[in-house]
Amino acid sequence: MRSNKTRKAGISILEVTLACVIMALAILPIYRALSSSAEAEIETTKIAMAKEILESMRQEILSHPFDDISAQVSTVKTYSPLAGQPYTRSLG
């Protein structure tokens, strides 16, 4: 004789929940690895950009004759304290 209870085919909510938990635990280390490598690449890009800017400024300074630079520097006033304020510099 057959039982009145028939088993339905399919997955239960418990199995779906368990699969989601396992998937989340597997994905978390991958996400952390990708995130840290992305941060490192951003930092490397910032450093490369800073080096390019510095090299550009260096080339600009080296392109001027020394006498021109010397004349510009001699017009700079020295630092002087202001009452309760940080030191400032004024040109000309």
C-alpha atoms as a PDB file:
ATOM      1  CA  MET A   1       0.000   0.000   0.000  1.00  0.00           C
ATOM      2  CA  ARG A   2       0.986   3.461  -0.664  1.00  0.00           C
ATOM      3  CA  SER A   3       1.268   6.139   1.924  1.00  0.00           C
ATOM      4  CA  ASN A   4      -1.013   9.143   1.646  1.00  0.00           C
ATOM      5  CA  LYS A   5       1.967  11.388   2.110  1.00  0.00           C
ATOM      6  CA  THR A   6       3.740  12.073  -1.115  1.00  0.00           C
ATOM      7  CA  ARG A   7       7.067  13.800  -1.208  1.00  0.00           C
ATOM      8  CA  LYS A   8       7.237  16.790  -3.535  1.00  0.00           C
ATOM      9  CA  ALA A   9      10.342  17.311  -5.620  1.00  0.00           C
ATOM     10  CA  GLY A  10      12.224  20.600  -5.232  1.00  0.00           C
ATOM     11  CA  ILE A  11      14.338  22.504  -2.781  1.00  0.00           C
ATOM     12  CA  SER A  12      13.317  23.727   0.597  1.00  0.00           C
ATOM     13  CA  ILE A  13      13.848  27.195   2.018  1.00  0.00           C
ATOM     14  CA  LEU A  14      16.443  25.743   4.389  1.00  0.00           C
ATOM     15  CA  GLU A  15      18.519  24.454   1.486  1.00  0.00           C
ATOM     16  CA  VAL A  16      18.325  27.817  -0.293  1.00  0.00           C
ATOM     17  CA  THR A  17      19.350  29.654   2.871  1.00  0.00           C
ATOM     18  CA  LEU A  18      22.250  27.296   3.479  1.00  0.00           C
ATOM     19  CA  ALA A  19      23.434  27.720  -0.122  1.00  0.00           C
ATOM     20  CA  CYS A  20      23.321  31.509   0.226  1.00  0.00           C
ATOM     21  CA  VAL A  21      25.358  31.417   3.442  1.00  0.00           C
ATOM     22  CA  ILE A  22      27.982  29.167   1.874  1.00  0.00           C
ATOM     23  CA  MET A  23      28.154  31.397  -1.197  1.00  0.00           C
ATOM     24  CA  ALA A  24      28.567  34.530   0.948  1.00  0.00           C
ATOM     25  CA  LEU A  25      31.373  32.899   2.932  1.00  0.00           C
ATOM     26  CA  ALA A  26      33.120  31.929  -0.306  1.00  0.00           C
ATOM     27  CA  ILE A  27      32.751  35.360  -1.936  1.00  0.00           C
ATOM     28  CA  LEU A  28      33.907  37.456   1.044  1.00  0.00           C
ATOM     29  CA  PRO A  29      37.658  36.635   0.787  1.00  0.00           C
ATOM     30  CA  ILE A  30      37.576  37.196  -2.973  1.00  0.00           C
ATOM     31  CA  TYR A  31      35.970  40.610  -2.470  1.00  0.00           C
ATOM     32  CA  ARG A  32      38.572  41.592   0.130  1.00  0.00           C
ATOM     33  CA  ALA A  33      41.428  40.556  -2.157  1.00  0.00           C
ATOM     34  CA  LEU A  34      40.029  42.540  -5.087  1.00  0.00           C
ATOM     35  CA  SER A  35      39.321  45.549  -2.888  1.00  0.00           C
ATOM     36  CA  SER A  36      42.843  45.714  -1.468  1.00  0.00           C
ATOM     37  CA  SER A  37      44.417  45.337  -4.914  1.00  0.00           C
ATOM     38  CA  ALA A  38      42.208  48.156  -6.233  1.00  0.00           C
ATOM     39  CA  GLU A  39      43.331  50.414  -3.367  1.00  0.00           C
ATOM     40  CA  ALA A  40      46.973  49.591  -4.112  1.00  0.00           C
ATOM     41  CA  GLU A  41      46.497  50.433  -7.784  1.00  0.00           C
ATOM     42  CA  ILE A  42      44.871  53.774  -6.941  1.00  0.00           C
ATOM     43  CA  GLU A  43      47.786  54.626  -4.650  1.00  0.00           C
ATOM     44  CA  THR A  44      50.281  53.645  -7.360  1.00  0.00           C
ATOM     45  CA  THR A  45      48.451  55.855  -9.864  1.00  0.00           C
ATOM     46  CA  LYS A  46      48.549  58.808  -7.454  1.00  0.00           C
ATOM     47  CA  ILE A  47      52.299  58.372  -6.966  1.00  0.00           C
ATOM     48  CA  ALA A  48      52.882  58.153 -10.719  1.00  0.00           C
ATOM     49  CA  MET A  49      50.872  61.333 -11.293  1.00  0.00           C
ATOM     50  CA  ALA A  50      52.808  63.151  -8.558  1.00  0.00           C
ATOM     51  CA  LYS A  51      56.088  62.071 -10.160  1.00  0.00           C
ATOM     52  CA  GLU A  52      54.926  63.382 -13.542  1.00  0.00           C
ATOM     53  CA  ILE A  53      53.941  66.737 -12.037  1.00  0.00           C
ATOM     54  CA  LEU A  54      57.250  66.967 -10.198  1.00  0.00           C
ATOM     55  CA  GLU A  55      59.207  66.149 -13.351  1.00  0.00           C
ATOM     56  CA  SER A  56      57.224  68.766 -15.290  1.00  0.00           C
ATOM     57  CA  MET A  57      57.998  71.412 -12.670  1.00  0.00           C
ATOM     58  CA  ARG A  58      61.658  70.380 -12.655  1.00  0.00           C
ATOM     59  CA  GLN A  59      61.873  70.726 -16.447  1.00  0.00           C
ATOM     60  CA  GLU A  60      60.214  74.135 -16.284  1.00  0.00           C
ATOM     61  CA  ILE A  61      62.660  75.359 -13.656  1.00  0.00           C
ATOM     62  CA  LEU A  62      65.650  73.984 -15.549  1.00  0.00           C
ATOM     63  CA  SER A  63      64.488  75.658 -18.774  1.00  0.00           C
ATOM     64  CA  HIS A  64      65.003  79.153 -17.289  1.00  0.00           C
ATOM     65  CA  PRO A  65      68.461  80.717 -17.092  1.00  0.00           C
ATOM     66  CA  PHE A  66      69.921  80.902 -13.591  1.00  0.00           C
ATOM     67  CA  ASP A  67      70.090  84.720 -13.637  1.00  0.00           C
ATOM     68  CA  ASP A  68      66.292  84.972 -14.140  1.00  0.00           C
ATOM     69  CA  ILE A  69      65.601  82.663 -11.218  1.00  0.00           C
ATOM     70  CA  SER A  70      68.132  84.477  -9.051  1.00  0.00           C
ATOM     71  CA  ALA A  71      66.465  87.837  -9.778  1.00  0.00           C
ATOM     72  CA  GLN A  72      63.008  86.474  -8.878  1.00  0.00           C
ATOM     73  CA  VAL A  73      64.207  84.953  -5.608  1.00  0.00           C
ATOM     74  CA  SER A  74      65.888  88.174  -4.476  1.00  0.00           C
ATOM     75  CA  THR A  75      62.494  89.977  -4.547  1.00  0.00           C
ATOM     76  CA  VAL A  76      60.936  87.555  -2.045  1.00  0.00           C
ATOM     77  CA  LYS A  77      60.573  89.012   1.418  1.00  0.00           C
ATOM     78  CA  THR A  78      61.437  86.936   4.437  1.00  0.00           C
ATOM     79  CA  TYR A  79      58.821  85.447   6.708  1.00  0.00           C
ATOM     80  CA  SER A  80      57.450  87.740   9.374  1.00  0.00           C
ATOM     81  CA  PRO A  81      55.182  86.769  12.261  1.00  0.00           C
ATOM     82  CA  LEU A  82      51.717  88.213  12.531  1.00  0.00           C
ATOM     83  CA  ALA A  83      49.927  88.597  15.819  1.00  0.00           C
ATOM     84  CA  GLY A  84      48.266  85.250  16.521  1.00  0.00           C
ATOM     85  CA  GLN A  85      48.457  84.093  12.889  1.00  0.00           C
ATOM     86  CA  PRO A  86      50.775  81.717  11.041  1.00  0.00           C
ATOM     87  CA  TYR A  87      53.771  82.984   9.144  1.00  0.00           C
ATOM     88  CA  THR A  88      53.048  84.340   5.685  1.00  0.00           C
ATOM     89  CA  ARG A  89      55.108  85.249   2.681  1.00  0.00           C
ATOM     90  CA  SER A  90      54.596  88.137   0.299  1.00  0.00           C
ATOM     91  CA  LEU A  91      56.097  88.648  -3.108  1.00  0.00           C
ATOM     92  CA  GLY A  92      57.259  91.981  -4.532  1.00  0.00           C
END
